[in-house]
Amino acid sequence: MMPDRPNHVWRCRGCGKTVPLGKGVEVGRSAPQVREVAVVEEGRVQTLPTAAEICPKCENGTAYYVLRQTRGSDEPETRIFECTKCGHKWREYQ
């Protein structure tokens, strides 16, 4: 609630409710809502698409990939790979 001194009231910005402004009047304060937080364990959740690409580090045959626009919008996207076995990252410019 915010004081509306010309009208001698406290006014809620959200609902417009008013309470007289003066001594002996107690104005409550709402408690913040408790938010649920989920902790993700260290490691990769397998939600990224995979491709049959050979890792240059361990020679594994499968890698996760994402597409990113790393250059101008008139140029093709860059595929960024991550090995499913060792986690090595590399990119391919198309």
C-alpha atoms as a PDB file:
ATOM      1  CA  MET A   1       0.000   0.000   0.000  1.00  0.00           C
ATOM      2  CA  MET A   2       1.125   3.513  -0.736  1.00  0.00           C
ATOM      3  CA  PRO A   3       0.159   6.621   1.217  1.00  0.00           C
ATOM      4  CA  ASP A   4      -2.317   8.895  -0.566  1.00  0.00           C
ATOM      5  CA  ARG A   5      -1.711  11.947   1.625  1.00  0.00           C
ATOM      6  CA  PRO A   6      -4.156  14.376  -0.051  1.00  0.00           C
ATOM      7  CA  ASN A   7      -7.008  11.933   0.716  1.00  0.00           C
ATOM      8  CA  HIS A   8      -5.492  10.798   4.069  1.00  0.00           C
ATOM      9  CA  VAL A   9      -5.620   7.110   3.173  1.00  0.00           C
ATOM     10  CA  TRP A  10      -3.371   4.180   2.344  1.00  0.00           C
ATOM     11  CA  ARG A  11      -4.214   2.945  -1.155  1.00  0.00           C
ATOM     12  CA  CYS A  12      -3.423  -0.486  -2.617  1.00  0.00           C
ATOM     13  CA  ARG A  13      -2.002  -0.200  -6.114  1.00  0.00           C
ATOM     14  CA  GLY A  14      -3.325  -3.614  -7.087  1.00  0.00           C
ATOM     15  CA  CYS A  15      -6.935  -3.620  -5.942  1.00  0.00           C
ATOM     16  CA  GLY A  16      -7.589   0.011  -5.003  1.00  0.00           C
ATOM     17  CA  LYS A  17      -8.616  -0.802  -1.402  1.00  0.00           C
ATOM     18  CA  THR A  18      -8.120   2.092   1.005  1.00  0.00           C
ATOM     19  CA  VAL A  19      -7.396   2.262   4.738  1.00  0.00           C
ATOM     20  CA  PRO A  20      -7.499   5.516   6.744  1.00  0.00           C
ATOM     21  CA  LEU A  21      -4.093   7.126   7.183  1.00  0.00           C
ATOM     22  CA  GLY A  22      -3.482   7.954  10.823  1.00  0.00           C
ATOM     23  CA  LYS A  23      -2.115   6.910  14.151  1.00  0.00           C
ATOM     24  CA  GLY A  24      -3.191   3.591  15.584  1.00  0.00           C
ATOM     25  CA  VAL A  25      -3.991   2.085  12.202  1.00  0.00           C
ATOM     26  CA  GLU A  26      -1.967  -1.016  11.429  1.00  0.00           C
ATOM     27  CA  VAL A  27      -1.354  -1.820   7.796  1.00  0.00           C
ATOM     28  CA  GLY A  28      -0.325  -5.404   7.073  1.00  0.00           C
ATOM     29  CA  ARG A  29       2.340  -6.547   4.708  1.00  0.00           C
ATOM     30  CA  SER A  30       1.858  -9.608   2.557  1.00  0.00           C
ATOM     31  CA  ALA A  31       4.436 -12.365   2.784  1.00  0.00           C
ATOM     32  CA  PRO A  32       6.297 -13.324  -0.377  1.00  0.00           C
ATOM     33  CA  GLN A  33       5.134 -16.508  -2.011  1.00  0.00           C
ATOM     34  CA  VAL A  34       7.302 -19.564  -1.552  1.00  0.00           C
ATOM     35  CA  ARG A  35       8.641 -20.776  -4.880  1.00  0.00           C
ATOM     36  CA  GLU A  36       9.505 -24.359  -5.589  1.00  0.00           C
ATOM     37  CA  VAL A  37      13.020 -24.832  -6.911  1.00  0.00           C
ATOM     38  CA  ALA A  38      14.152 -27.923  -8.786  1.00  0.00           C
ATOM     39  CA  VAL A  39      17.830 -28.804  -8.625  1.00  0.00           C
ATOM     40  CA  VAL A  40      19.233 -30.489 -11.696  1.00  0.00           C
ATOM     41  CA  GLU A  41      22.027 -32.887 -10.944  1.00  0.00           C
ATOM     42  CA  GLU A  42      25.326 -32.362 -12.693  1.00  0.00           C
ATOM     43  CA  GLY A  43      25.319 -34.053 -16.060  1.00  0.00           C
ATOM     44  CA  ARG A  44      23.480 -33.760 -19.346  1.00  0.00           C
ATOM     45  CA  VAL A  45      19.814 -34.485 -19.733  1.00  0.00           C
ATOM     46  CA  GLN A  46      19.391 -36.134 -23.111  1.00  0.00           C
ATOM     47  CA  THR A  47      16.958 -33.674 -24.670  1.00  0.00           C
ATOM     48  CA  LEU A  48      19.176 -32.428 -27.491  1.00  0.00           C
ATOM     49  CA  PRO A  49      19.030 -34.047 -30.921  1.00  0.00           C
ATOM     50  CA  THR A  50      21.850 -36.385 -31.854  1.00  0.00           C
ATOM     51  CA  ALA A  51      23.728 -36.867 -35.103  1.00  0.00           C
ATOM     52  CA  ALA A  52      26.020 -39.566 -36.457  1.00  0.00           C
ATOM     53  CA  GLU A  53      29.228 -37.507 -36.250  1.00  0.00           C
ATOM     54  CA  ILE A  54      32.710 -38.763 -35.390  1.00  0.00           C
ATOM     55  CA  CYS A  55      34.283 -37.038 -32.380  1.00  0.00           C
ATOM     56  CA  PRO A  56      37.761 -35.739 -33.297  1.00  0.00           C
ATOM     57  CA  LYS A  57      38.987 -36.429 -29.759  1.00  0.00           C
ATOM     58  CA  CYS A  58      37.735 -39.948 -28.841  1.00  0.00           C
ATOM     59  CA  GLU A  59      36.293 -41.112 -32.202  1.00  0.00           C
ATOM     60  CA  ASN A  60      32.860 -41.819 -30.723  1.00  0.00           C
ATOM     61  CA  GLY A  61      30.221 -41.967 -33.461  1.00  0.00           C
ATOM     62  CA  THR A  62      27.381 -39.968 -31.822  1.00  0.00           C
ATOM     63  CA  ALA A  63      27.156 -36.296 -30.858  1.00  0.00           C
ATOM     64  CA  TYR A  64      24.533 -33.862 -29.589  1.00  0.00           C
ATOM     65  CA  TYR A  65      24.100 -30.773 -31.746  1.00  0.00           C
ATOM     66  CA  VAL A  66      22.529 -27.304 -31.692  1.00  0.00           C
ATOM     67  CA  LEU A  67      22.155 -24.747 -34.480  1.00  0.00           C
ATOM     68  CA  ARG A  68      23.287 -21.163 -33.815  1.00  0.00           C
ATOM     69  CA  GLN A  69      23.297 -18.074 -36.001  1.00  0.00           C
ATOM     70  CA  THR A  70      26.890 -16.996 -35.322  1.00  0.00           C
ATOM     71  CA  ARG A  71      27.429 -14.784 -38.383  1.00  0.00           C
ATOM     72  CA  GLY A  72      25.196 -12.491 -40.421  1.00  0.00           C
ATOM     73  CA  SER A  73      21.554 -13.383 -40.926  1.00  0.00           C
ATOM     74  CA  ASP A  74      22.156 -13.809 -44.655  1.00  0.00           C
ATOM     75  CA  GLU A  75      24.694 -16.618 -43.989  1.00  0.00           C
ATOM     76  CA  PRO A  76      23.945 -20.220 -42.991  1.00  0.00           C
ATOM     77  CA  GLU A  77      23.784 -21.414 -39.381  1.00  0.00           C
ATOM     78  CA  THR A  78      26.659 -23.022 -37.487  1.00  0.00           C
ATOM     79  CA  ARG A  79      26.175 -26.525 -36.053  1.00  0.00           C
ATOM     80  CA  ILE A  80      27.833 -26.967 -32.665  1.00  0.00           C
ATOM     81  CA  PHE A  81      28.468 -30.584 -31.675  1.00  0.00           C
ATOM     82  CA  GLU A  82      29.141 -32.158 -28.277  1.00  0.00           C
ATOM     83  CA  CYS A  83      30.348 -35.744 -28.013  1.00  0.00           C
ATOM     84  CA  THR A  84      27.942 -37.991 -26.101  1.00  0.00           C
ATOM     85  CA  LYS A  85      30.878 -39.925 -24.633  1.00  0.00           C
ATOM     86  CA  CYS A  86      33.662 -37.473 -23.697  1.00  0.00           C
ATOM     87  CA  GLY A  87      31.876 -34.077 -23.889  1.00  0.00           C
ATOM     88  CA  HIS A  88      34.327 -32.586 -26.430  1.00  0.00           C
ATOM     89  CA  LYS A  89      32.791 -29.673 -28.397  1.00  0.00           C
ATOM     90  CA  TRP A  90      33.455 -28.651 -31.980  1.00  0.00           C
ATOM     91  CA  ARG A  91      31.628 -26.777 -34.710  1.00  0.00           C
ATOM     92  CA  GLU A  92      30.800 -27.140 -38.339  1.00  0.00           C
ATOM     93  CA  TYR A  93      30.239 -24.133 -40.566  1.00  0.00           C
ATOM     94  CA  GLN A  94      27.761 -24.925 -43.304  1.00  0.00           C
END
